[in-house]
């Protein structure tokens, strides 16, 4: 059995830290996780905020440390969950 490469260990540590930060932010405002997925270091979490009756999408990239959260219309939540970067770009275009 070979030892894991140092870069693999660092990437796994960065991913765990990013995931922990995302979960802590979620717990702070009593948001409920509706769905989550992770692929290639990118984690996507769909959240419902019952106090505001609002849905948000949180995305974090453990490789770069980048993360963002954006409001999502409830009727577009699953589309945003499966295509977060396209949704973010579309929303950014509307804000300009």
PDB file of N, CA and C in Angstrom:
ATOM      1  N   UNK A   1       0.842  -1.171   0.000  1.00  0.00           N
ATOM      2  CA  UNK A   1       0.000   0.000   0.000  1.00  0.00           C
ATOM      3  C   UNK A   1       0.895   1.244   0.000  1.00  0.00           C
ATOM      4  N   UNK A   2       0.654   2.162  -0.913  1.00  0.00           N
ATOM      5  CA  UNK A   2       1.478   3.356  -1.011  1.00  0.00           C
ATOM      6  C   UNK A   2       0.891   4.477  -0.161  1.00  0.00           C
ATOM      7  N   UNK A   3       1.772   5.393   0.201  1.00  0.00           N
ATOM      8  CA  UNK A   3       1.353   6.555   0.983  1.00  0.00           C
ATOM      9  C   UNK A   3       0.632   7.547   0.075  1.00  0.00           C
ATOM     10  N   UNK A   4      -0.373   8.267   0.609  1.00  0.00           N
ATOM     11  CA  UNK A   4      -1.027   9.295  -0.211  1.00  0.00           C
ATOM     12  C   UNK A   4      -0.061  10.437  -0.488  1.00  0.00           C
ATOM     13  N   UNK A   5      -0.199  11.036  -1.651  1.00  0.00           N
ATOM     14  CA  UNK A   5       0.631  12.176  -2.015  1.00  0.00           C
ATOM     15  C   UNK A   5       0.310  13.357  -1.096  1.00  0.00           C
ATOM     16  N   UNK A   6       1.311  14.191  -0.760  1.00  0.00           N
ATOM     17  CA  UNK A   6       1.053  15.362   0.092  1.00  0.00           C
ATOM     18  C   UNK A   6      -0.029  16.284  -0.476  1.00  0.00           C
ATOM     19  N   UNK A   7      -0.083  16.424  -1.807  1.00  0.00           N
ATOM     20  CA  UNK A   7      -1.109  17.295  -2.391  1.00  0.00           C
ATOM     21  C   UNK A   7      -2.504  16.718  -2.178  1.00  0.00           C
ATOM     22  N   UNK A   8      -2.619  15.391  -2.155  1.00  0.00           N
ATOM     23  CA  UNK A   8      -3.903  14.749  -1.903  1.00  0.00           C
ATOM     24  C   UNK A   8      -4.355  15.024  -0.473  1.00  0.00           C
ATOM     25  N   UNK A   9      -3.428  14.949   0.457  1.00  0.00           N
ATOM     26  CA  UNK A   9      -3.739  15.223   1.861  1.00  0.00           C
ATOM     27  C   UNK A   9      -4.151  16.675   2.031  1.00  0.00           C
ATOM     28  N   UNK A  10      -3.429  17.602   1.401  1.00  0.00           N
ATOM     29  CA  UNK A  10      -3.769  19.028   1.492  1.00  0.00           C
ATOM     30  C   UNK A  10      -5.133  19.304   0.888  1.00  0.00           C
ATOM     31  N   UNK A  11      -5.433  18.705  -0.246  1.00  0.00           N
ATOM     32  CA  UNK A  11      -6.727  18.911  -0.890  1.00  0.00           C
ATOM     33  C   UNK A  11      -7.853  18.380  -0.015  1.00  0.00           C
ATOM     34  N   UNK A  12      -7.653  17.224   0.583  1.00  0.00           N
ATOM     35  CA  UNK A  12      -8.675  16.651   1.458  1.00  0.00           C
ATOM     36  C   UNK A  12      -8.884  17.524   2.686  1.00  0.00           C
ATOM     37  N   UNK A  13      -7.804  18.069   3.231  1.00  0.00           N
ATOM     38  CA  UNK A  13      -7.903  18.956   4.387  1.00  0.00           C
ATOM     39  C   UNK A  13      -8.624  20.241   4.017  1.00  0.00           C
ATOM     40  N   UNK A  14      -8.291  20.826   2.875  1.00  0.00           N
ATOM     41  CA  UNK A  14      -8.951  22.058   2.429  1.00  0.00           C
ATOM     42  C   UNK A  14     -10.436  21.811   2.204  1.00  0.00           C
ATOM     43  N   UNK A  15     -10.775  20.663   1.627  1.00  0.00           N
ATOM     44  CA  UNK A  15     -12.182  20.326   1.388  1.00  0.00           C
ATOM     45  C   UNK A  15     -12.929  20.207   2.715  1.00  0.00           C
ATOM     46  N   UNK A  16     -12.343  19.532   3.675  1.00  0.00           N
ATOM     47  CA  UNK A  16     -12.988  19.350   4.979  1.00  0.00           C
ATOM     48  C   UNK A  16     -13.197  20.702   5.665  1.00  0.00           C
ATOM     49  N   UNK A  17     -12.221  21.592   5.560  1.00  0.00           N
ATOM     50  CA  UNK A  17     -12.349  22.915   6.166  1.00  0.00           C
ATOM     51  C   UNK A  17     -13.447  23.737   5.490  1.00  0.00           C
ATOM     52  N   UNK A  18     -13.493  23.707   4.158  1.00  0.00           N
ATOM     53  CA  UNK A  18     -14.523  24.453   3.425  1.00  0.00           C
ATOM     54  C   UNK A  18     -15.905  23.912   3.762  1.00  0.00           C
ATOM     55  N   UNK A  19     -16.028  22.607   3.830  1.00  0.00           N
ATOM     56  CA  UNK A  19     -17.317  21.975   4.164  1.00  0.00           C
ATOM     57  C   UNK A  19     -17.744  22.355   5.582  1.00  0.00           C
ATOM     58  N   UNK A  20     -16.790  22.387   6.503  1.00  0.00           N
ATOM     59  CA  UNK A  20     -17.082  22.749   7.887  1.00  0.00           C
ATOM     60  C   UNK A  20     -17.563  24.195   7.986  1.00  0.00           C
ATOM     61  N   UNK A  21     -16.921  25.099   7.249  1.00  0.00           N
ATOM     62  CA  UNK A  21     -17.333  26.506   7.247  1.00  0.00           C
ATOM     63  C   UNK A  21     -18.740  26.655   6.681  1.00  0.00           C
ATOM     64  N   UNK A  22     -19.022  25.943   5.609  1.00  0.00           N
ATOM     65  CA  UNK A  22     -20.337  26.006   4.982  1.00  0.00           C
ATOM     66  C   UNK A  22     -21.408  25.488   5.941  1.00  0.00           C
ATOM     67  N   UNK A  23     -21.135  24.398   6.606  1.00  0.00           N
ATOM     68  CA  UNK A  23     -22.088  23.829   7.568  1.00  0.00           C
ATOM     69  C   UNK A  23     -22.294  24.772   8.756  1.00  0.00           C
ATOM     70  N   UNK A  24     -21.227  25.394   9.246  1.00  0.00           N
ATOM     71  CA  UNK A  24     -21.347  26.315  10.383  1.00  0.00           C
ATOM     72  C   UNK A  24     -22.220  27.505  10.028  1.00  0.00           C
ATOM     73  N   UNK A  25     -22.047  28.044   8.833  1.00  0.00           N
ATOM     74  CA  UNK A  25     -22.867  29.176   8.394  1.00  0.00           C
ATOM     75  C   UNK A  25     -24.326  28.761   8.286  1.00  0.00           C
ATOM     76  N   UNK A  26     -24.564  27.559   7.838  1.00  0.00           N
ATOM     77  CA  UNK A  26     -25.922  27.044   7.711  1.00  0.00           C
ATOM     78  C   UNK A  26     -26.583  26.913   9.078  1.00  0.00           C
ATOM     79  N   UNK A  27     -25.875  26.366  10.028  1.00  0.00           N
ATOM     80  CA  UNK A  27     -26.426  26.157  11.358  1.00  0.00           C
ATOM     81  C   UNK A  27     -26.701  27.484  12.063  1.00  0.00           C
ATOM     82  N   UNK A  28     -25.884  28.495  11.788  1.00  0.00           N
ATOM     83  CA  UNK A  28     -26.001  29.784  12.466  1.00  0.00           C
ATOM     84  C   UNK A  28     -27.370  30.420  12.241  1.00  0.00           C
ATOM     85  N   UNK A  29     -27.903  30.339  11.053  1.00  0.00           N
ATOM     86  CA  UNK A  29     -29.181  30.998  10.788  1.00  0.00           C
ATOM     87  C   UNK A  29     -30.351  30.009  10.713  1.00  0.00           C
ATOM     88  N   UNK A  30     -30.157  28.803  11.238  1.00  0.00           N
ATOM     89  CA  UNK A  30     -31.206  27.790  11.312  1.00  0.00           C
ATOM     90  C   UNK A  30     -31.749  27.392   9.944  1.00  0.00           C
ATOM     91  N   UNK A  31     -30.925  27.492   8.938  1.00  0.00           N
ATOM     92  CA  UNK A  31     -31.320  27.057   7.599  1.00  0.00           C
ATOM     93  C   UNK A  31     -31.415  25.541   7.585  1.00  0.00           C
ATOM     94  N   UNK A  32     -32.268  25.037   6.722  1.00  0.00           N
ATOM     95  CA  UNK A  32     -32.419  23.589   6.574  1.00  0.00           C
ATOM     96  C   UNK A  32     -31.858  23.168   5.220  1.00  0.00           C
ATOM     97  N   UNK A  33     -31.030  22.156   5.259  1.00  0.00           N
ATOM     98  CA  UNK A  33     -30.439  21.637   4.030  1.00  0.00           C
ATOM     99  C   UNK A  33     -31.466  20.809   3.278  1.00  0.00           C
ATOM    100  N   UNK A  34     -31.752  21.226   2.061  1.00  0.00           N
ATOM    101  CA  UNK A  34     -32.696  20.495   1.218  1.00  0.00           C
ATOM    102  C   UNK A  34     -31.995  19.461   0.357  1.00  0.00           C
ATOM    103  N   UNK A  35     -30.797  19.795  -0.098  1.00  0.00           N
ATOM    104  CA  UNK A  35     -30.025  18.887  -0.947  1.00  0.00           C
ATOM    105  C   UNK A  35     -28.567  19.312  -0.916  1.00  0.00           C
ATOM    106  N   UNK A  36     -27.686  18.363  -1.128  1.00  0.00           N
ATOM    107  CA  UNK A  36     -26.265  18.690  -1.243  1.00  0.00           C
ATOM    108  C   UNK A  36     -25.607  17.673  -2.160  1.00  0.00           C
ATOM    109  N   UNK A  37     -24.528  18.125  -2.777  1.00  0.00           N
ATOM    110  CA  UNK A  37     -23.743  17.236  -3.627  1.00  0.00           C
ATOM    111  C   UNK A  37     -22.321  17.771  -3.672  1.00  0.00           C
ATOM    112  N   UNK A  38     -21.389  16.885  -3.993  1.00  0.00           N
ATOM    113  CA  UNK A  38     -19.987  17.264  -4.082  1.00  0.00           C
ATOM    114  C   UNK A  38     -19.375  16.504  -5.239  1.00  0.00           C
ATOM    115  N   UNK A  39     -18.583  17.222  -6.040  1.00  0.00           N
ATOM    116  CA  UNK A  39     -17.897  16.596  -7.152  1.00  0.00           C
ATOM    117  C   UNK A  39     -16.637  17.387  -7.465  1.00  0.00           C
ATOM    118  N   UNK A  40     -15.525  16.693  -7.524  1.00  0.00           N
ATOM    119  CA  UNK A  40     -14.255  17.308  -7.911  1.00  0.00           C
ATOM    120  C   UNK A  40     -13.918  18.529  -7.059  1.00  0.00           C
ATOM    121  N   UNK A  41     -14.221  18.456  -5.771  1.00  0.00           N
ATOM    122  CA  UNK A  41     -13.871  19.540  -4.857  1.00  0.00           C
ATOM    123  C   UNK A  41     -14.884  20.666  -4.791  1.00  0.00           C
ATOM    124  N   UNK A  42     -15.944  20.588  -5.575  1.00  0.00           N
ATOM    125  CA  UNK A  42     -16.974  21.634  -5.558  1.00  0.00           C
ATOM    126  C   UNK A  42     -18.194  21.081  -4.836  1.00  0.00           C
ATOM    127  N   UNK A  43     -18.592  21.778  -3.781  1.00  0.00           N
ATOM    128  CA  UNK A  43     -19.762  21.372  -3.010  1.00  0.00           C
ATOM    129  C   UNK A  43     -20.891  22.358  -3.269  1.00  0.00           C
ATOM    130  N   UNK A  44     -22.073  21.838  -3.485  1.00  0.00           N
ATOM    131  CA  UNK A  44     -23.264  22.644  -3.736  1.00  0.00           C
ATOM    132  C   UNK A  44     -24.308  22.246  -2.694  1.00  0.00           C
ATOM    133  N   UNK A  45     -24.852  23.240  -1.989  1.00  0.00           N
ATOM    134  CA  UNK A  45     -25.846  22.977  -0.952  1.00  0.00           C
ATOM    135  C   UNK A  45     -27.048  23.881  -1.193  1.00  0.00           C
ATOM    136  N   UNK A  46     -28.221  23.275  -1.243  1.00  0.00           N
ATOM    137  CA  UNK A  46     -29.474  24.007  -1.399  1.00  0.00           C
ATOM    138  C   UNK A  46     -30.094  24.142  -0.012  1.00  0.00           C
ATOM    139  N   UNK A  47     -30.382  25.372   0.384  1.00  0.00           N
ATOM    140  CA  UNK A  47     -30.850  25.657   1.746  1.00  0.00           C
ATOM    141  C   UNK A  47     -32.199  26.359   1.753  1.00  0.00           C
ATOM    142  N   UNK A  48     -33.017  26.020   2.731  1.00  0.00           N
ATOM    143  CA  UNK A  48     -34.275  26.720   2.954  1.00  0.00           C
ATOM    144  C   UNK A  48     -34.177  27.433   4.286  1.00  0.00           C
ATOM    145  N   UNK A  49     -34.539  28.704   4.301  1.00  0.00           N
ATOM    146  CA  UNK A  49     -34.500  29.534   5.505  1.00  0.00           C
ATOM    147  C   UNK A  49     -35.946  29.760   5.948  1.00  0.00           C
ATOM    148  N   UNK A  50     -36.424  28.963   6.907  1.00  0.00           N
ATOM    149  CA  UNK A  50     -37.850  29.018   7.267  1.00  0.00           C
ATOM    150  C   UNK A  50     -38.304  30.361   7.819  1.00  0.00           C
ATOM    151  N   UNK A  51     -37.451  31.069   8.520  1.00  0.00           N
ATOM    152  CA  UNK A  51     -37.856  32.368   9.079  1.00  0.00           C
ATOM    153  C   UNK A  51     -38.218  33.357   7.982  1.00  0.00           C
ATOM    154  N   UNK A  52     -37.488  33.311   6.886  1.00  0.00           N
ATOM    155  CA  UNK A  52     -37.728  34.213   5.763  1.00  0.00           C
ATOM    156  C   UNK A  52     -38.518  33.547   4.645  1.00  0.00           C
ATOM    157  N   UNK A  53     -38.729  32.251   4.760  1.00  0.00           N
ATOM    158  CA  UNK A  53     -39.305  31.435   3.695  1.00  0.00           C
ATOM    159  C   UNK A  53     -38.578  31.698   2.383  1.00  0.00           C
ATOM    160  N   UNK A  54     -37.250  31.586   2.458  1.00  0.00           N
ATOM    161  CA  UNK A  54     -36.384  31.870   1.309  1.00  0.00           C
ATOM    162  C   UNK A  54     -35.478  30.664   1.047  1.00  0.00           C
ATOM    163  N   UNK A  55     -35.061  30.542  -0.196  1.00  0.00           N
ATOM    164  CA  UNK A  55     -34.145  29.476  -0.603  1.00  0.00           C
ATOM    165  C   UNK A  55     -32.846  30.120  -1.079  1.00  0.00           C
ATOM    166  N   UNK A  56     -31.730  29.539  -0.659  1.00  0.00           N
ATOM    167  CA  UNK A  56     -30.427  29.998  -1.140  1.00  0.00           C
ATOM    168  C   UNK A  56     -29.622  28.792  -1.610  1.00  0.00           C
ATOM    169  N   UNK A  57     -28.613  29.100  -2.382  1.00  0.00           N
ATOM    170  CA  UNK A  57     -27.697  28.098  -2.901  1.00  0.00           C
ATOM    171  C   UNK A  57     -26.297  28.495  -2.449  1.00  0.00           C
ATOM    172  N   UNK A  58     -25.614  27.587  -1.770  1.00  0.00           N
ATOM    173  CA  UNK A  58     -24.248  27.835  -1.313  1.00  0.00           C
ATOM    174  C   UNK A  58     -23.309  26.936  -2.111  1.00  0.00           C
ATOM    175  N   UNK A  59     -22.257  27.525  -2.642  1.00  0.00           N
ATOM    176  CA  UNK A  59     -21.285  26.791  -3.455  1.00  0.00           C
ATOM    177  C   UNK A  59     -19.896  27.071  -2.895  1.00  0.00           C
ATOM    178  N   UNK A  60     -19.101  26.021  -2.712  1.00  0.00           N
ATOM    179  CA  UNK A  60     -17.718  26.209  -2.276  1.00  0.00           C
ATOM    180  C   UNK A  60     -16.801  25.312  -3.095  1.00  0.00           C
ATOM    181  N   UNK A  61     -15.621  25.828  -3.372  1.00  0.00           N
ATOM    182  CA  UNK A  61     -14.598  25.106  -4.122  1.00  0.00           C
ATOM    183  C   UNK A  61     -13.415  24.895  -3.189  1.00  0.00           C
ATOM    184  N   UNK A  62     -13.214  23.662  -2.749  1.00  0.00           N
ATOM    185  CA  UNK A  62     -12.144  23.384  -1.792  1.00  0.00           C
ATOM    186  C   UNK A  62     -10.753  23.547  -2.404  1.00  0.00           C
ATOM    187  N   UNK A  63     -10.653  23.502  -3.725  1.00  0.00           N
ATOM    188  CA  UNK A  63      -9.344  23.651  -4.374  1.00  0.00           C
ATOM    189  C   UNK A  63      -8.863  25.096  -4.329  1.00  0.00           C
ATOM    190  N   UNK A  64      -9.793  26.035  -4.489  1.00  0.00           N
ATOM    191  CA  UNK A  64      -9.405  27.452  -4.529  1.00  0.00           C
ATOM    192  C   UNK A  64      -9.782  28.203  -3.263  1.00  0.00           C
ATOM    193  N   UNK A  65     -10.700  27.634  -2.476  1.00  0.00           N
ATOM    194  CA  UNK A  65     -11.189  28.326  -1.286  1.00  0.00           C
ATOM    195  C   UNK A  65     -12.320  29.299  -1.598  1.00  0.00           C
ATOM    196  N   UNK A  66     -12.671  29.419  -2.879  1.00  0.00           N
ATOM    197  CA  UNK A  66     -13.764  30.325  -3.265  1.00  0.00           C
ATOM    198  C   UNK A  66     -15.096  29.759  -2.806  1.00  0.00           C
ATOM    199  N   UNK A  67     -15.993  30.660  -2.427  1.00  0.00           N
ATOM    200  CA  UNK A  67     -17.341  30.251  -2.078  1.00  0.00           C
ATOM    201  C   UNK A  67     -18.291  31.417  -2.280  1.00  0.00           C
ATOM    202  N   UNK A  68     -19.538  31.082  -2.574  1.00  0.00           N
ATOM    203  CA  UNK A  68     -20.552  32.122  -2.707  1.00  0.00           C
ATOM    204  C   UNK A  68     -21.906  31.550  -2.342  1.00  0.00           C
ATOM    205  N   UNK A  69     -22.812  32.436  -2.024  1.00  0.00           N
ATOM    206  CA  UNK A  69     -24.188  32.051  -1.730  1.00  0.00           C
ATOM    207  C   UNK A  69     -25.089  33.051  -2.425  1.00  0.00           C
ATOM    208  N   UNK A  70     -26.163  32.559  -3.013  1.00  0.00           N
ATOM    209  CA  UNK A  70     -27.087  33.468  -3.682  1.00  0.00           C
ATOM    210  C   UNK A  70     -28.520  33.034  -3.457  1.00  0.00           C
ATOM    211  N   UNK A  71     -29.407  34.015  -3.482  1.00  0.00           N
ATOM    212  CA  UNK A  71     -30.831  33.753  -3.337  1.00  0.00           C
ATOM    213  C   UNK A  71     -31.343  33.087  -4.598  1.00  0.00           C
ATOM    214  N   UNK A  72     -32.291  32.173  -4.418  1.00  0.00           N
ATOM    215  CA  UNK A  72     -32.847  31.426  -5.537  1.00  0.00           C
ATOM    216  C   UNK A  72     -34.368  31.441  -5.409  1.00  0.00           C
ATOM    217  N   UNK A  73     -35.045  31.727  -6.507  1.00  0.00           N
ATOM    218  CA  UNK A  73     -36.514  31.630  -6.513  1.00  0.00           C
ATOM    219  C   UNK A  73     -36.891  30.175  -6.289  1.00  0.00           C
ATOM    220  N   UNK A  74     -37.900  29.937  -5.479  1.00  0.00           N
ATOM    221  CA  UNK A  74     -38.247  28.558  -5.134  1.00  0.00           C
ATOM    222  C   UNK A  74     -38.596  27.716  -6.366  1.00  0.00           C
ATOM    223  N   UNK A  75     -39.172  28.338  -7.382  1.00  0.00           N
ATOM    224  CA  UNK A  75     -39.515  27.567  -8.584  1.00  0.00           C
ATOM    225  C   UNK A  75     -38.301  27.287  -9.475  1.00  0.00           C
ATOM    226  N   UNK A  76     -37.138  27.857  -9.141  1.00  0.00           N
ATOM    227  CA  UNK A  76     -35.898  27.618  -9.903  1.00  0.00           C
ATOM    228  C   UNK A  76     -34.844  26.900  -9.065  1.00  0.00           C
ATOM    229  N   UNK A  77     -35.218  26.437  -7.876  1.00  0.00           N
ATOM    230  CA  UNK A  77     -34.243  25.891  -6.931  1.00  0.00           C
ATOM    231  C   UNK A  77     -33.497  24.674  -7.470  1.00  0.00           C
ATOM    232  N   UNK A  78     -34.213  23.708  -8.023  1.00  0.00           N
ATOM    233  CA  UNK A  78     -33.521  22.516  -8.523  1.00  0.00           C
ATOM    234  C   UNK A  78     -32.654  22.817  -9.739  1.00  0.00           C
ATOM    235  N   UNK A  79     -33.125  23.694 -10.595  1.00  0.00           N
ATOM    236  CA  UNK A  79     -32.304  24.097 -11.745  1.00  0.00           C
ATOM    237  C   UNK A  79     -31.000  24.726 -11.258  1.00  0.00           C
ATOM    238  N   UNK A  80     -31.105  25.623 -10.283  1.00  0.00           N
ATOM    239  CA  UNK A  80     -29.914  26.279  -9.728  1.00  0.00           C
ATOM    240  C   UNK A  80     -29.003  25.252  -9.045  1.00  0.00           C
ATOM    241  N   UNK A  81     -29.585  24.284  -8.348  1.00  0.00           N
ATOM    242  CA  UNK A  81     -28.810  23.256  -7.662  1.00  0.00           C
ATOM    243  C   UNK A  81     -27.974  22.441  -8.648  1.00  0.00           C
ATOM    244  N   UNK A  82     -28.563  22.066  -9.762  1.00  0.00           N
ATOM    245  CA  UNK A  82     -27.845  21.250 -10.735  1.00  0.00           C
ATOM    246  C   UNK A  82     -26.937  22.054 -11.656  1.00  0.00           C
ATOM    247  N   UNK A  83     -27.176  23.348 -11.786  1.00  0.00           N
ATOM    248  CA  UNK A  83     -26.373  24.207 -12.661  1.00  0.00           C
ATOM    249  C   UNK A  83     -26.029  25.510 -11.941  1.00  0.00           C
ATOM    250  N   UNK A  84     -25.283  25.440 -10.833  1.00  0.00           N
ATOM    251  CA  UNK A  84     -25.068  26.631 -10.004  1.00  0.00           C
ATOM    252  C   UNK A  84     -24.295  27.756 -10.692  1.00  0.00           C
ATOM    253  N   UNK A  85     -23.316  27.415 -11.508  1.00  0.00           N
ATOM    254  CA  UNK A  85     -22.517  28.475 -12.129  1.00  0.00           C
ATOM    255  C   UNK A  85     -23.302  29.168 -13.242  1.00  0.00           C
ATOM    256  N   UNK A  86     -24.089  28.431 -13.981  1.00  0.00           N
ATOM    257  CA  UNK A  86     -24.949  29.045 -15.005  1.00  0.00           C
ATOM    258  C   UNK A  86     -25.982  29.943 -14.335  1.00  0.00           C
ATOM    259  N   UNK A  87     -26.548  29.485 -13.234  1.00  0.00           N
ATOM    260  CA  UNK A  87     -27.538  30.289 -12.518  1.00  0.00           C
ATOM    261  C   UNK A  87     -26.899  31.566 -11.970  1.00  0.00           C
ATOM    262  N   UNK A  88     -25.709  31.440 -11.386  1.00  0.00           N
ATOM    263  CA  UNK A  88     -25.013  32.600 -10.842  1.00  0.00           C
ATOM    264  C   UNK A  88     -24.701  33.607 -11.942  1.00  0.00           C
ATOM    265  N   UNK A  89     -24.260  33.120 -13.099  1.00  0.00           N
ATOM    266  CA  UNK A  89     -23.942  34.019 -14.217  1.00  0.00           C
ATOM    267  C   UNK A  89     -25.183  34.724 -14.712  1.00  0.00           C
ATOM    268  N   UNK A  90     -26.285  34.011 -14.772  1.00  0.00           N
ATOM    269  CA  UNK A  90     -27.552  34.595 -15.216  1.00  0.00           C
ATOM    270  C   UNK A  90     -28.009  35.678 -14.232  1.00  0.00           C
ATOM    271  N   UNK A  91     -27.903  35.372 -12.943  1.00  0.00           N
ATOM    272  CA  UNK A  91     -28.292  36.351 -11.915  1.00  0.00           C
ATOM    273  C   UNK A  91     -27.364  37.568 -11.931  1.00  0.00           C
ATOM    274  N   UNK A  92     -26.078  37.339 -12.179  1.00  0.00           N
ATOM    275  CA  UNK A  92     -25.118  38.448 -12.241  1.00  0.00           C
ATOM    276  C   UNK A  92     -25.435  39.351 -13.429  1.00  0.00           C
ATOM    277  N   UNK A  93     -25.842  38.769 -14.534  1.00  0.00           N
ATOM    278  CA  UNK A  93     -26.209  39.531 -15.718  1.00  0.00           C
ATOM    279  C   UNK A  93     -27.417  40.414 -15.481  1.00  0.00           C
ATOM    280  N   UNK A  94     -28.349  39.936 -14.655  1.00  0.00           N
ATOM    281  CA  UNK A  94     -29.543  40.729 -14.329  1.00  0.00           C
ATOM    282  C   UNK A  94     -29.229  41.877 -13.403  1.00  0.00           C
ATOM    283  N   UNK A  95     -28.196  41.709 -12.551  1.00  0.00           N
ATOM    284  CA  UNK A  95     -27.845  42.757 -11.594  1.00  0.00           C
ATOM    285  C   UNK A  95     -27.116  43.916 -12.249  1.00  0.00           C
ATOM    286  N   UNK A  96     -26.526  43.694 -13.412  1.00  0.00           N
ATOM    287  CA  UNK A  96     -25.740  44.730 -14.079  1.00  0.00           C
ATOM    288  C   UNK A  96     -26.621  45.775 -14.724  1.00  0.00           C
TER     289      UNK A  96
END
